[in-house]
Amino acid sequence: MDVGPRLLATATVLLAVLLAGCTERATPPSTAAPVPSAGTTGPASTAPQSPSADASASASASTSASASVPVAASPSPRPVAGGAVTTGPAAAPSAVPATRLTMSVDTRGGRILLVRGGPAQEFTLTLRNGNTRAYGHLLLTFQMEAFGPSPGDRPGPDPSVLLEHRDPATGRWSPAELRIANDFRPYHLHEGGSPLDRDAVRTERYRLRATATGPTGSSPLEVRLLDTDAPEGAGEARERPARLALPHTTRRAS
């Protein structure tokens, strides 16, 4: 038997096996990711983008969104009282309330206190028209009911009290009509008067004096403002737009 050739063949095989094992251990495993072929349908690559690319994308998106959203126009500022400025919507004008003619009186102590034969006492009448209507002819009328005589009085032929009106242009005093009676004179029998525009104000000055031989006592002075343009039967509110009663007393001299 030829043993030598078998031993040589066996040794050669063992040497080849040992060399192959050493070669495998010396070669490190590859870390490269497999490259998919054109037909592969795996997940897409998610490689991060650079900061400059993110900023460009954000700016582009912001510009696009701004162009698609309408911007409301800012209201124009407007001045208000006190010099302040507001930018809110202008307020709707409120309706002006209707005002009417009024008459007021002013005198010392709020009443007429006379001494028989003594000095006169002044009083002022103020007419304030409203915004409802203008008047063509307004007439002031004065009436006092009869009073006295008291015990010891010696009435004479002269009127018991005298009324005077001051002319605003000249400052002169002149007699004014004062009716002393207990009855009523219909409105439509009066004539004349002065105009008064809307929102106009007029002031009239009068004075009252008791005569030396008149009676003593008390009786209010009735002041009526008449619209002499009102038709007959128009009603008291139209014919007499204002009235007042001024307290009055006449006494003997001390």
Protein backbone atom coordinates (compact mmCIF):
# COMPACT_ATOMS: atom_id res chain seq x y z
CA MET A 1 0.00 0.00 0.00
CA ASP A 2 1.28 3.50 -0.88
CA VAL A 3 0.73 5.57 2.26
CA GLY A 4 2.93 8.53 1.35
CA PRO A 5 0.79 10.13 -1.36
CA ARG A 6 -2.43 9.89 0.80
CA LEU A 7 -0.75 11.68 3.72
CA LEU A 8 0.45 14.42 1.38
CA ALA A 9 -3.02 14.91 -0.09
CA THR A 10 -4.60 15.06 3.34
CA ALA A 11 -2.11 17.63 4.54
CA THR A 12 -2.74 19.80 1.49
CA VAL A 13 -6.52 19.79 2.08
CA LEU A 14 -6.13 20.75 5.78
CA LEU A 15 -3.81 23.61 4.86
CA ALA A 16 -6.31 24.95 2.34
CA VAL A 17 -9.12 24.86 4.92
CA LEU A 18 -7.02 26.73 7.50
CA LEU A 19 -6.07 29.45 5.00
CA ALA A 20 -9.71 29.96 3.98
CA GLY A 21 -10.79 30.42 7.61
CA CYS A 22 -8.07 32.99 8.26
CA THR A 23 -9.09 34.99 5.14
CA GLU A 24 -12.77 35.18 6.28
CA ARG A 25 -11.84 36.42 9.76
CA ALA A 26 -9.47 39.10 8.36
CA THR A 27 -12.06 40.69 5.97
CA PRO A 28 -14.47 43.14 7.89
CA PRO A 29 -18.19 43.02 7.06
CA SER A 30 -19.39 45.71 4.62
CA THR A 31 -21.48 48.62 6.15
CA ALA A 32 -22.74 50.07 2.92
CA ALA A 33 -26.51 50.02 2.59
CA PRO A 34 -27.79 47.98 -0.28
CA VAL A 35 -28.80 50.08 -3.27
CA PRO A 36 -32.33 49.24 -4.30
CA SER A 37 -32.93 48.45 -7.87
CA ALA A 38 -35.23 50.41 -10.17
CA GLY A 39 -38.12 48.07 -9.45
CA THR A 40 -37.85 48.21 -5.64
CA THR A 41 -40.85 49.83 -3.81
CA GLY A 42 -39.35 50.23 -0.34
CA PRO A 43 -39.68 53.37 1.91
CA ALA A 44 -38.31 56.64 0.51
CA SER A 45 -35.14 58.16 1.90
CA THR A 46 -35.69 60.81 4.66
CA ALA A 47 -32.32 62.55 4.56
CA PRO A 48 -32.46 65.86 6.64
CA GLN A 49 -32.45 69.18 4.75
CA SER A 50 -30.06 72.02 5.48
CA PRO A 51 -31.18 75.06 7.65
CA SER A 52 -31.06 77.38 4.64
CA ALA A 53 -33.45 75.13 2.75
CA ASP A 54 -35.88 75.14 5.74
CA ALA A 55 -35.84 78.96 5.93
CA SER A 56 -36.47 79.30 2.20
CA ALA A 57 -39.39 76.89 2.39
CA SER A 58 -40.93 78.73 5.41
CA ALA A 59 -40.59 82.12 3.72
CA SER A 60 -42.23 80.82 0.57
CA ALA A 61 -45.14 79.31 2.53
CA SER A 62 -45.64 82.54 4.53
CA THR A 63 -45.69 84.67 1.36
CA SER A 64 -48.21 82.36 -0.25
CA ALA A 65 -50.49 82.41 2.82
CA SER A 66 -50.32 86.21 3.08
CA ALA A 67 -51.30 86.62 -0.53
CA SER A 68 -54.38 84.42 -0.10
CA VAL A 69 -55.80 86.06 3.07
CA PRO A 70 -57.62 89.44 2.59
CA VAL A 71 -56.45 92.26 4.89
CA ALA A 72 -59.14 94.53 6.44
CA ALA A 73 -58.61 98.24 5.87
CA SER A 74 -57.87 100.22 9.02
CA PRO A 75 -60.54 102.89 9.80
CA SER A 76 -59.40 106.45 9.33
CA PRO A 77 -58.89 108.39 12.58
CA ARG A 78 -61.36 111.14 13.35
CA PRO A 79 -61.16 113.98 15.91
CA VAL A 80 -63.47 114.01 18.92
CA ALA A 81 -64.19 116.52 21.67
CA GLY A 82 -61.17 117.56 23.73
CA GLY A 83 -58.67 117.03 20.90
CA ALA A 84 -58.57 113.23 21.25
CA VAL A 85 -58.56 111.00 18.18
CA THR A 86 -60.53 107.81 17.80
CA THR A 87 -60.28 105.20 15.06
CA GLY A 88 -63.60 103.49 15.71
CA PRO A 89 -66.61 103.79 13.38
CA ALA A 90 -68.43 107.10 13.48
CA ALA A 91 -71.44 107.04 15.84
CA ALA A 92 -74.85 107.61 14.30
CA PRO A 93 -76.23 111.08 15.16
CA SER A 94 -78.80 110.93 17.93
CA ALA A 95 -82.25 112.42 17.39
CA VAL A 96 -82.60 115.97 18.77
CA PRO A 97 -85.44 116.09 21.33
CA ALA A 98 -88.26 118.51 20.63
CA THR A 99 -88.35 121.61 22.86
CA ARG A 100 -91.15 124.14 23.30
CA LEU A 101 -91.62 127.75 24.27
CA THR A 102 -91.16 128.59 27.98
CA MET A 103 -91.53 131.76 30.05
CA SER A 104 -89.86 132.54 33.38
CA VAL A 105 -89.94 135.50 35.78
CA ASP A 106 -87.25 137.01 37.98
CA THR A 107 -87.81 139.58 40.72
CA ARG A 108 -86.60 140.43 44.21
CA GLY A 109 -87.72 137.74 46.64
CA GLY A 110 -89.73 135.95 43.97
CA ARG A 111 -92.83 138.09 44.61
CA ILE A 112 -94.14 141.65 44.28
CA LEU A 113 -94.28 143.50 47.63
CA LEU A 114 -95.61 147.04 47.26
CA VAL A 115 -96.27 149.90 49.64
CA ARG A 116 -99.20 152.16 48.82
CA GLY A 117 -97.74 155.35 47.36
CA GLY A 118 -94.24 153.86 47.53
CA PRO A 119 -91.63 152.97 44.89
CA ALA A 120 -92.21 150.52 42.06
CA GLN A 121 -90.75 147.02 41.99
CA GLU A 122 -89.19 145.67 38.81
CA PHE A 123 -89.53 142.17 37.40
CA THR A 124 -88.06 140.53 34.31
CA LEU A 125 -89.79 138.14 31.94
CA THR A 126 -87.65 135.81 29.80
CA LEU A 127 -89.09 134.05 26.74
CA ARG A 128 -87.16 131.01 25.48
CA ASN A 129 -88.48 129.51 22.29
CA GLY A 130 -87.91 125.83 21.50
CA ASN A 131 -87.03 124.16 18.23
CA THR A 132 -90.61 123.15 17.41
CA ARG A 133 -91.88 126.25 15.62
CA ALA A 134 -91.36 129.98 15.05
CA TYR A 135 -93.99 132.55 16.08
CA GLY A 136 -95.10 135.54 14.05
CA HIS A 137 -96.91 137.47 16.80
CA LEU A 138 -96.55 136.81 20.52
CA LEU A 139 -98.32 139.18 22.92
CA LEU A 140 -97.77 139.53 26.67
CA THR A 141 -100.94 140.28 28.64
CA PHE A 142 -101.31 141.16 32.35
CA GLN A 143 -104.37 140.79 34.56
CA MET A 144 -105.05 141.08 38.28
CA GLU A 145 -108.30 140.40 40.10
CA ALA A 146 -109.78 143.23 42.15
CA PHE A 147 -108.75 143.23 45.83
CA GLY A 148 -109.72 145.31 48.90
CA PRO A 149 -110.44 147.70 50.07
CA SER A 150 -109.42 146.69 53.56
CA PRO A 151 -110.84 148.45 56.64
CA GLY A 152 -109.47 151.99 56.78
CA ASP A 153 -108.62 152.17 53.08
CA ARG A 154 -109.81 155.23 51.17
CA PRO A 155 -109.77 154.25 47.51
CA GLY A 156 -109.64 157.13 45.06
CA PRO A 157 -110.49 157.43 41.39
CA ASP A 158 -107.03 156.41 40.22
CA PRO A 159 -106.13 152.79 39.45
CA SER A 160 -104.91 150.86 42.46
CA VAL A 161 -101.69 149.67 40.71
CA LEU A 162 -99.81 150.85 37.64
CA LEU A 163 -97.74 148.72 35.24
CA GLU A 164 -94.90 150.09 33.12
CA HIS A 165 -92.64 148.58 30.44
CA ARG A 166 -89.01 149.52 29.73
CA ASP A 167 -88.10 150.13 26.08
CA PRO A 168 -84.83 148.18 25.47
CA ALA A 169 -83.78 150.61 22.72
CA THR A 170 -84.21 153.88 24.64
CA GLY A 171 -84.33 152.75 28.28
CA ARG A 172 -87.49 154.78 28.85
CA TRP A 173 -90.44 153.54 30.91
CA SER A 174 -93.93 153.83 29.47
CA PRO A 175 -97.38 152.68 30.64
CA ALA A 176 -98.37 149.07 29.82
CA GLU A 177 -101.85 147.62 29.82
CA LEU A 178 -102.92 145.95 33.08
CA ARG A 179 -106.45 144.60 33.25
CA ILE A 180 -108.02 144.48 36.71
CA ALA A 181 -111.12 142.28 36.52
CA ASN A 182 -112.54 139.00 37.72
CA ASP A 183 -113.74 137.80 34.32
CA PHE A 184 -111.83 136.34 31.37
CA ARG A 185 -111.21 138.00 28.03
CA PRO A 186 -111.28 135.54 25.09
CA TYR A 187 -107.96 135.01 23.37
CA HIS A 188 -109.16 135.79 19.86
CA LEU A 189 -109.98 139.37 20.89
CA HIS A 190 -106.29 140.18 21.36
CA GLU A 191 -104.15 141.53 18.51
CA GLY A 192 -100.55 142.42 17.84
CA GLY A 193 -97.34 141.06 19.33
CA SER A 194 -93.72 140.50 18.32
CA PRO A 195 -92.08 137.61 16.38
CA LEU A 196 -89.90 134.97 18.01
CA ASP A 197 -87.76 132.59 15.96
CA ARG A 198 -86.87 129.00 16.84
CA ASP A 199 -84.43 128.75 19.78
CA ALA A 200 -84.54 132.54 20.21
CA VAL A 201 -84.47 134.19 23.66
CA ARG A 202 -86.10 137.52 24.50
CA THR A 203 -86.06 139.45 27.79
CA GLU A 204 -88.65 142.07 28.78
CA ARG A 205 -88.46 144.38 31.81
CA TYR A 206 -91.54 145.65 33.68
CA ARG A 207 -92.29 147.37 36.96
CA LEU A 208 -95.40 147.60 39.14
CA ARG A 209 -96.34 150.45 41.53
CA ALA A 210 -99.22 150.92 44.01
CA THR A 211 -100.99 154.28 44.03
CA ALA A 212 -101.32 156.29 47.21
CA THR A 213 -105.13 156.01 47.35
CA GLY A 214 -105.51 152.40 46.21
CA PRO A 215 -106.64 149.47 48.34
CA THR A 216 -104.42 147.10 50.24
CA GLY A 217 -104.44 143.36 50.00
CA SER A 218 -103.15 140.49 47.86
CA SER A 219 -103.90 139.32 44.32
CA PRO A 220 -101.55 137.45 42.00
CA LEU A 221 -100.41 139.10 38.79
CA GLU A 222 -101.45 136.77 35.93
CA VAL A 223 -99.06 136.90 32.97
CA ARG A 224 -100.17 135.21 29.74
CA LEU A 225 -98.24 134.86 26.48
CA LEU A 226 -100.67 134.72 23.56
CA ASP A 227 -100.17 133.62 19.94
CA THR A 228 -102.44 136.10 18.19
CA ASP A 229 -101.98 134.24 14.87
CA ALA A 230 -103.78 131.18 16.25
CA PRO A 231 -107.21 130.73 14.64
CA GLU A 232 -110.32 131.06 16.78
CA GLY A 233 -111.13 127.78 18.48
CA ALA A 234 -107.59 126.39 18.08
CA GLY A 235 -107.54 125.50 21.76
CA GLU A 236 -105.92 126.99 24.82
CA ALA A 237 -102.59 125.21 24.31
CA ARG A 238 -102.17 126.80 20.86
CA GLU A 239 -103.65 130.20 21.74
CA ARG A 240 -101.71 130.54 25.02
CA PRO A 241 -98.34 128.75 24.74
CA ALA A 242 -97.13 130.00 28.17
CA ARG A 243 -98.44 131.54 31.38
CA LEU A 244 -97.41 132.18 35.00
CA ALA A 245 -98.73 133.80 38.20
CA LEU A 246 -96.54 136.21 40.17
CA PRO A 247 -97.56 136.63 43.85
CA HIS A 248 -98.35 140.23 44.81
CA THR A 249 -99.23 142.09 48.02
CA THR A 250 -99.86 145.79 48.63
CA ARG A 251 -99.79 147.20 52.17
CA ARG A 252 -100.12 150.62 53.83
CA ALA A 253 -97.08 152.75 54.45
CA SER A 254 -95.76 152.48 58.02
